[in-house]
Amino acid sequence: GFIERELNIKYNFHNGLSLKTIDAELTQLMKASGCTSVCLAVESGSERIRNGVYGKNISTKKIFEVFNLLRKVKIPTVGYFMVGAPGEKRADFEETKKLLAKLPASLVTVSIYTPYPETELYDECKKNGWLLEYAPDDENRVEMFTPMLKTPDFDPKDIIAWQKELYYSFIWHHWPGLIKEAIRPGGIVNLDAIGKFIGFAKFGLFSNK
């Protein structure tokens, strides 16, 4: 509709698109209609966690296909990842780390899994006694920086370490692209994004504790 009406509108998808819905034709239309960036929820590099726990039903092949299609039409991408899912092990984390190192994303965010009330995963965590805190009068709380689970597979300190490790790994493998995006007019790695990143530091990204 933007193209047909010749509307000069710039837009992005900050809250994310489903990877399953994106193909080559759509990426070309997105570019032609003024799309400036896309956020895509990958969540995990482990298909066991991504599909078995989160229920995304997205293959690793499809993830790379979509990111490469968007890169081809020069639409910057932000990959959304999470660590600390129920049942997640160090081996699953290593799969995420490997995927993230190769993924042609412009930027990533790594959140700590939060069990959201009134979901199956929340009920499972509560039933198994994995919740670190449970406030009946505050069940709508969503916190993506503080571990809220302790399971037989990980401690809270492990999850904080995994989060840092993924950020450091992404920077290590993608620093040339980050610099190019930072100096590109209108790039998504800008002062505002850096400010948010620095703000995140207070949650322990650069802490030695």
C-alpha atoms as a PDB file:
ATOM      1  CA  GLY A   1       0.000   0.000   0.000  1.00  0.00           C
ATOM      2  CA  PHE A   2       2.861   2.424   0.774  1.00  0.00           C
ATOM      3  CA  ILE A   3       4.384   1.713  -2.640  1.00  0.00           C
ATOM      4  CA  GLU A   4       1.113   1.998  -4.565  1.00  0.00           C
ATOM      5  CA  ARG A   5       0.273   5.300  -2.878  1.00  0.00           C
ATOM      6  CA  GLU A   6       3.853   6.569  -3.241  1.00  0.00           C
ATOM      7  CA  LEU A   7       4.007   7.377   0.462  1.00  0.00           C
ATOM      8  CA  ASN A   8       7.428   8.452   1.704  1.00  0.00           C
ATOM      9  CA  ILE A   9       7.239   6.709   5.081  1.00  0.00           C
ATOM     10  CA  LYS A  10      10.109   5.203   7.045  1.00  0.00           C
ATOM     11  CA  TYR A  11       9.268   2.456   9.497  1.00  0.00           C
ATOM     12  CA  ASN A  12      10.767  -0.431  11.423  1.00  0.00           C
ATOM     13  CA  PHE A  13       9.653  -3.508  13.324  1.00  0.00           C
ATOM     14  CA  HIS A  14      10.937  -2.862  16.826  1.00  0.00           C
ATOM     15  CA  ASN A  15       8.793  -5.548  18.439  1.00  0.00           C
ATOM     16  CA  GLY A  16       9.803  -8.174  15.940  1.00  0.00           C
ATOM     17  CA  LEU A  17       8.456 -10.193  13.046  1.00  0.00           C
ATOM     18  CA  SER A  18       7.893 -13.914  12.790  1.00  0.00           C
ATOM     19  CA  LEU A  19      10.771 -15.492  10.907  1.00  0.00           C
ATOM     20  CA  LYS A  20       8.321 -18.017   9.446  1.00  0.00           C
ATOM     21  CA  THR A  21       6.487 -15.306   7.487  1.00  0.00           C
ATOM     22  CA  ILE A  22       9.473 -13.779   5.677  1.00  0.00           C
ATOM     23  CA  ASP A  23      10.626 -14.684   2.165  1.00  0.00           C
ATOM     24  CA  ALA A  24      12.583 -13.026  -0.639  1.00  0.00           C
ATOM     25  CA  GLU A  25       9.573 -11.275  -2.175  1.00  0.00           C
ATOM     26  CA  LEU A  26       8.533  -9.782   1.148  1.00  0.00           C
ATOM     27  CA  THR A  27      12.017  -8.452   1.959  1.00  0.00           C
ATOM     28  CA  GLN A  28      12.139  -6.685  -1.404  1.00  0.00           C
ATOM     29  CA  LEU A  29       8.736  -5.099  -0.782  1.00  0.00           C
ATOM     30  CA  MET A  30       9.792  -4.086   2.723  1.00  0.00           C
ATOM     31  CA  LYS A  31      12.866  -2.329   1.370  1.00  0.00           C
ATOM     32  CA  ALA A  32      10.947  -0.607  -1.411  1.00  0.00           C
ATOM     33  CA  SER A  33       8.249   0.611   0.987  1.00  0.00           C
ATOM     34  CA  GLY A  34      10.636   2.256   3.459  1.00  0.00           C
ATOM     35  CA  CYS A  35      11.536  -0.373   6.068  1.00  0.00           C
ATOM     36  CA  THR A  36      14.661   0.771   7.924  1.00  0.00           C
ATOM     37  CA  SER A  37      15.287  -2.162  10.297  1.00  0.00           C
ATOM     38  CA  VAL A  38      13.800  -5.412  11.546  1.00  0.00           C
ATOM     39  CA  CYS A  39      13.979  -7.172  14.909  1.00  0.00           C
ATOM     40  CA  LEU A  40      13.740 -10.949  14.770  1.00  0.00           C
ATOM     41  CA  ALA A  41      13.211 -13.257  17.740  1.00  0.00           C
ATOM     42  CA  VAL A  42      15.650 -16.147  17.380  1.00  0.00           C
ATOM     43  CA  GLU A  43      15.700 -16.832  21.139  1.00  0.00           C
ATOM     44  CA  SER A  44      18.166 -19.752  21.083  1.00  0.00           C
ATOM     45  CA  GLY A  45      20.698 -21.415  18.820  1.00  0.00           C
ATOM     46  CA  SER A  46      19.608 -24.765  20.211  1.00  0.00           C
ATOM     47  CA  GLU A  47      16.711 -26.254  18.267  1.00  0.00           C
ATOM     48  CA  ARG A  48      15.848 -28.282  21.364  1.00  0.00           C
ATOM     49  CA  ILE A  49      15.300 -25.100  23.367  1.00  0.00           C
ATOM     50  CA  ARG A  50      13.991 -22.913  20.540  1.00  0.00           C
ATOM     51  CA  ASN A  51      11.403 -25.408  19.343  1.00  0.00           C
ATOM     52  CA  GLY A  52      10.953 -27.871  22.191  1.00  0.00           C
ATOM     53  CA  VAL A  53      10.760 -25.333  25.040  1.00  0.00           C
ATOM     54  CA  TYR A  54       9.758 -22.038  23.410  1.00  0.00           C
ATOM     55  CA  GLY A  55       7.649 -23.675  20.693  1.00  0.00           C
ATOM     56  CA  LYS A  56       8.981 -21.451  17.906  1.00  0.00           C
ATOM     57  CA  ASN A  57       8.996 -24.218  15.273  1.00  0.00           C
ATOM     58  CA  ILE A  58      11.752 -22.515  13.298  1.00  0.00           C
ATOM     59  CA  SER A  59      14.738 -24.344  11.855  1.00  0.00           C
ATOM     60  CA  THR A  60      18.288 -23.044  12.032  1.00  0.00           C
ATOM     61  CA  LYS A  61      18.328 -23.103   8.232  1.00  0.00           C
ATOM     62  CA  LYS A  62      15.316 -20.766   8.086  1.00  0.00           C
ATOM     63  CA  ILE A  63      16.950 -18.354  10.533  1.00  0.00           C
ATOM     64  CA  PHE A  64      20.030 -17.945   8.363  1.00  0.00           C
ATOM     65  CA  GLU A  65      17.898 -17.734   5.232  1.00  0.00           C
ATOM     66  CA  VAL A  66      15.869 -14.800   6.564  1.00  0.00           C
ATOM     67  CA  PHE A  67      18.832 -12.863   7.980  1.00  0.00           C
ATOM     68  CA  ASN A  68      20.703 -13.298   4.689  1.00  0.00           C
ATOM     69  CA  LEU A  69      17.679 -12.161   2.649  1.00  0.00           C
ATOM     70  CA  LEU A  70      17.397  -8.993   4.721  1.00  0.00           C
ATOM     71  CA  ARG A  71      21.123  -8.399   4.482  1.00  0.00           C
ATOM     72  CA  LYS A  72      20.903  -8.757   0.687  1.00  0.00           C
ATOM     73  CA  VAL A  73      18.360  -5.929   0.460  1.00  0.00           C
ATOM     74  CA  LYS A  74      20.354  -3.899   3.018  1.00  0.00           C
ATOM     75  CA  ILE A  75      17.805  -3.875   5.832  1.00  0.00           C
ATOM     76  CA  PRO A  76      19.633  -3.891   9.199  1.00  0.00           C
ATOM     77  CA  THR A  77      18.600  -6.665  11.556  1.00  0.00           C
ATOM     78  CA  VAL A  78      18.514  -7.072  15.326  1.00  0.00           C
ATOM     79  CA  GLY A  79      18.486 -10.614  16.674  1.00  0.00           C
ATOM     80  CA  TYR A  80      16.601 -11.219  19.918  1.00  0.00           C
ATOM     81  CA  PHE A  81      18.083 -13.948  22.123  1.00  0.00           C
ATOM     82  CA  MET A  82      17.346 -15.324  25.579  1.00  0.00           C
ATOM     83  CA  VAL A  83      19.296 -17.442  28.052  1.00  0.00           C
ATOM     84  CA  GLY A  84      18.131 -19.369  31.094  1.00  0.00           C
ATOM     85  CA  ALA A  85      15.137 -21.280  29.745  1.00  0.00           C
ATOM     86  CA  PRO A  86      13.788 -24.176  31.808  1.00  0.00           C
ATOM     87  CA  GLY A  87      15.865 -27.224  30.895  1.00  0.00           C
ATOM     88  CA  GLU A  88      18.600 -25.220  29.171  1.00  0.00           C
ATOM     89  CA  LYS A  89      22.056 -26.702  29.610  1.00  0.00           C
ATOM     90  CA  ARG A  90      25.559 -25.439  28.896  1.00  0.00           C
ATOM     91  CA  ALA A  91      25.542 -27.475  25.667  1.00  0.00           C
ATOM     92  CA  ASP A  92      22.440 -25.583  24.490  1.00  0.00           C
ATOM     93  CA  PHE A  93      24.124 -22.291  25.341  1.00  0.00           C
ATOM     94  CA  GLU A  94      27.165 -23.292  23.278  1.00  0.00           C
ATOM     95  CA  GLU A  95      24.883 -23.880  20.279  1.00  0.00           C
ATOM     96  CA  THR A  96      23.506 -20.366  20.723  1.00  0.00           C
ATOM     97  CA  LYS A  97      27.016 -18.979  20.933  1.00  0.00           C
ATOM     98  CA  LYS A  98      28.030 -20.726  17.701  1.00  0.00           C
ATOM     99  CA  LEU A  99      24.938 -19.534  15.848  1.00  0.00           C
ATOM    100  CA  LEU A 100      25.342 -15.977  17.066  1.00  0.00           C
ATOM    101  CA  ALA A 101      28.984 -15.885  15.918  1.00  0.00           C
ATOM    102  CA  LYS A 102      27.970 -16.746  12.339  1.00  0.00           C
ATOM    103  CA  LEU A 103      24.621 -14.962  12.120  1.00  0.00           C
ATOM    104  CA  PRO A 104      24.704 -11.951   9.738  1.00  0.00           C
ATOM    105  CA  ALA A 105      22.884  -9.695  12.206  1.00  0.00           C
ATOM    106  CA  SER A 106      23.583  -5.977  12.594  1.00  0.00           C
ATOM    107  CA  LEU A 107      22.984  -6.079  16.337  1.00  0.00           C
ATOM    108  CA  VAL A 108      21.684  -8.436  19.024  1.00  0.00           C
ATOM    109  CA  THR A 109      20.032  -8.196  22.386  1.00  0.00           C
ATOM    110  CA  VAL A 110      20.367 -10.950  24.978  1.00  0.00           C
ATOM    111  CA  SER A 111      17.719 -11.145  27.673  1.00  0.00           C
ATOM    112  CA  ILE A 112      17.443 -13.441  30.655  1.00  0.00           C
ATOM    113  CA  TYR A 113      14.396 -15.672  30.397  1.00  0.00           C
ATOM    114  CA  THR A 114      11.494 -14.516  32.529  1.00  0.00           C
ATOM    115  CA  PRO A 115       8.645 -16.940  33.305  1.00  0.00           C
ATOM    116  CA  TYR A 116       5.555 -14.967  32.361  1.00  0.00           C
ATOM    117  CA  PRO A 117       2.472 -15.584  34.540  1.00  0.00           C
ATOM    118  CA  GLU A 118      -0.416 -17.586  33.079  1.00  0.00           C
ATOM    119  CA  THR A 119       1.810 -19.460  30.637  1.00  0.00           C
ATOM    120  CA  GLU A 120       2.648 -23.165  30.568  1.00  0.00           C
ATOM    121  CA  LEU A 121       6.322 -22.483  31.257  1.00  0.00           C
ATOM    122  CA  TYR A 122       5.486 -20.306  34.248  1.00  0.00           C
ATOM    123  CA  ASP A 123       3.270 -23.035  35.679  1.00  0.00           C
ATOM    124  CA  GLU A 124       6.005 -25.620  35.079  1.00  0.00           C
ATOM    125  CA  CYS A 125       8.622 -23.477  36.838  1.00  0.00           C
ATOM    126  CA  LYS A 126       6.298 -22.835  39.772  1.00  0.00           C
ATOM    127  CA  LYS A 127       5.367 -26.521  40.057  1.00  0.00           C
ATOM    128  CA  ASN A 128       9.014 -27.610  40.107  1.00  0.00           C
ATOM    129  CA  GLY A 129      10.040 -24.983  42.641  1.00  0.00           C
ATOM    130  CA  TRP A 130      12.425 -23.253  40.235  1.00  0.00           C
ATOM    131  CA  LEU A 131      11.139 -19.707  40.777  1.00  0.00           C
ATOM    132  CA  LEU A 132      13.530 -17.598  42.827  1.00  0.00           C
ATOM    133  CA  GLU A 133      10.787 -15.187  43.718  1.00  0.00           C
ATOM    134  CA  TYR A 134       7.052 -15.343  43.581  1.00  0.00           C
ATOM    135  CA  ALA A 135       4.843 -12.452  44.557  1.00  0.00           C
ATOM    136  CA  PRO A 136       1.124 -13.270  44.187  1.00  0.00           C
ATOM    137  CA  ASP A 137       0.280  -9.563  44.154  1.00  0.00           C
ATOM    138  CA  ASP A 138       2.728  -8.846  41.334  1.00  0.00           C
ATOM    139  CA  GLU A 139       2.263 -11.649  38.818  1.00  0.00           C
ATOM    140  CA  ASN A 140       2.507  -9.303  35.828  1.00  0.00           C
ATOM    141  CA  ARG A 141       6.117  -8.437  36.559  1.00  0.00           C
ATOM    142  CA  VAL A 142       8.448  -8.942  33.616  1.00  0.00           C
ATOM    143  CA  GLU A 143      12.182  -8.648  34.286  1.00  0.00           C
ATOM    144  CA  MET A 144      14.712  -9.470  31.556  1.00  0.00           C
ATOM    145  CA  PHE A 145      17.952  -8.645  33.363  1.00  0.00           C
ATOM    146  CA  THR A 146      17.705 -10.540  36.644  1.00  0.00           C
ATOM    147  CA  PRO A 147      17.644 -14.355  36.809  1.00  0.00           C
ATOM    148  CA  MET A 148      14.371 -15.571  38.255  1.00  0.00           C
ATOM    149  CA  LEU A 149      15.038 -19.302  38.028  1.00  0.00           C
ATOM    150  CA  LYS A 150      17.291 -21.830  39.685  1.00  0.00           C
ATOM    151  CA  THR A 151      17.054 -25.255  38.078  1.00  0.00           C
ATOM    152  CA  PRO A 152      19.046 -28.507  38.305  1.00  0.00           C
ATOM    153  CA  ASP A 153      20.815 -27.373  35.110  1.00  0.00           C
ATOM    154  CA  PHE A 154      22.039 -23.902  36.142  1.00  0.00           C
ATOM    155  CA  ASP A 155      22.424 -21.379  38.954  1.00  0.00           C
ATOM    156  CA  PRO A 156      21.486 -17.701  38.595  1.00  0.00           C
ATOM    157  CA  LYS A 157      25.172 -16.729  38.417  1.00  0.00           C
ATOM    158  CA  ASP A 158      25.595 -19.062  35.446  1.00  0.00           C
ATOM    159  CA  ILE A 159      22.868 -17.229  33.520  1.00  0.00           C
ATOM    160  CA  ILE A 160      24.421 -13.820  34.165  1.00  0.00           C
ATOM    161  CA  ALA A 161      27.749 -15.191  32.923  1.00  0.00           C
ATOM    162  CA  TRP A 162      26.107 -16.659  29.806  1.00  0.00           C
ATOM    163  CA  GLN A 163      24.464 -13.335  29.015  1.00  0.00           C
ATOM    164  CA  LYS A 164      27.781 -11.497  29.216  1.00  0.00           C
ATOM    165  CA  GLU A 165      29.533 -14.184  27.208  1.00  0.00           C
ATOM    166  CA  LEU A 166      27.058 -13.902  24.335  1.00  0.00           C
ATOM    167  CA  TYR A 167      27.466 -10.130  24.154  1.00  0.00           C
ATOM    168  CA  TYR A 168      31.249 -10.383  24.198  1.00  0.00           C
ATOM    169  CA  SER A 169      31.169 -13.141  21.570  1.00  0.00           C
ATOM    170  CA  PHE A 170      28.962 -11.097  19.256  1.00  0.00           C
ATOM    171  CA  ILE A 171      31.198  -8.045  19.571  1.00  0.00           C
ATOM    172  CA  TRP A 172      34.298 -10.174  18.947  1.00  0.00           C
ATOM    173  CA  HIS A 173      32.908 -11.754  15.774  1.00  0.00           C
ATOM    174  CA  HIS A 174      31.019  -8.739  14.410  1.00  0.00           C
ATOM    175  CA  TRP A 175      33.011  -5.656  15.394  1.00  0.00           C
ATOM    176  CA  PRO A 176      33.705  -4.541  11.769  1.00  0.00           C
ATOM    177  CA  GLY A 177      29.983  -4.546  11.017  1.00  0.00           C
ATOM    178  CA  LEU A 178      29.189  -2.762  14.277  1.00  0.00           C
ATOM    179  CA  ILE A 179      31.611   0.026  13.401  1.00  0.00           C
ATOM    180  CA  LYS A 180      30.165   0.372   9.871  1.00  0.00           C
ATOM    181  CA  GLU A 181      26.645   0.515  11.278  1.00  0.00           C
ATOM    182  CA  ALA A 182      27.688   3.073  13.888  1.00  0.00           C
ATOM    183  CA  ILE A 183      29.076   5.484  11.288  1.00  0.00           C
ATOM    184  CA  ARG A 184      26.337   4.899   8.718  1.00  0.00           C
ATOM    185  CA  PRO A 185      23.848   7.797   8.593  1.00  0.00           C
ATOM    186  CA  GLY A 186      20.712   6.516  10.263  1.00  0.00           C
ATOM    187  CA  GLY A 187      22.482   3.390  11.482  1.00  0.00           C
ATOM    188  CA  ILE A 188      20.877   1.389  14.271  1.00  0.00           C
ATOM    189  CA  VAL A 189      24.125   1.376  16.252  1.00  0.00           C
ATOM    190  CA  ASN A 190      23.821   5.029  17.216  1.00  0.00           C
ATOM    191  CA  LEU A 191      24.224   7.197  20.293  1.00  0.00           C
ATOM    192  CA  ASP A 192      20.782   6.260  21.539  1.00  0.00           C
ATOM    193  CA  ALA A 193      21.568   2.551  21.224  1.00  0.00           C
ATOM    194  CA  ILE A 194      24.941   3.041  22.889  1.00  0.00           C
ATOM    195  CA  GLY A 195      23.234   4.930  25.713  1.00  0.00           C
ATOM    196  CA  LYS A 196      20.896   2.016  26.269  1.00  0.00           C
ATOM    197  CA  PHE A 197      23.860  -0.351  26.191  1.00  0.00           C
ATOM    198  CA  ILE A 198      25.694   1.727  28.793  1.00  0.00           C
ATOM    199  CA  GLY A 199      22.530   1.827  30.858  1.00  0.00           C
ATOM    200  CA  PHE A 200      22.472  -1.952  30.739  1.00  0.00           C
ATOM    201  CA  ALA A 201      25.934  -2.002  32.310  1.00  0.00           C
ATOM    202  CA  LYS A 202      24.438  -1.199  35.690  1.00  0.00           C
ATOM    203  CA  PHE A 203      22.725  -4.571  35.566  1.00  0.00           C
ATOM    204  CA  GLY A 204      26.135  -6.260  35.616  1.00  0.00           C
ATOM    205  CA  LEU A 205      27.325  -6.545  32.019  1.00  0.00           C
ATOM    206  CA  PHE A 206      30.731  -5.160  32.939  1.00  0.00           C
ATOM    207  CA  SER A 207      30.681  -6.164  36.569  1.00  0.00           C
ATOM    208  CA  ASN A 208      33.347  -8.492  37.954  1.00  0.00           C
ATOM    209  CA  LYS A 209      31.001  -9.714  40.656  1.00  0.00           C
END
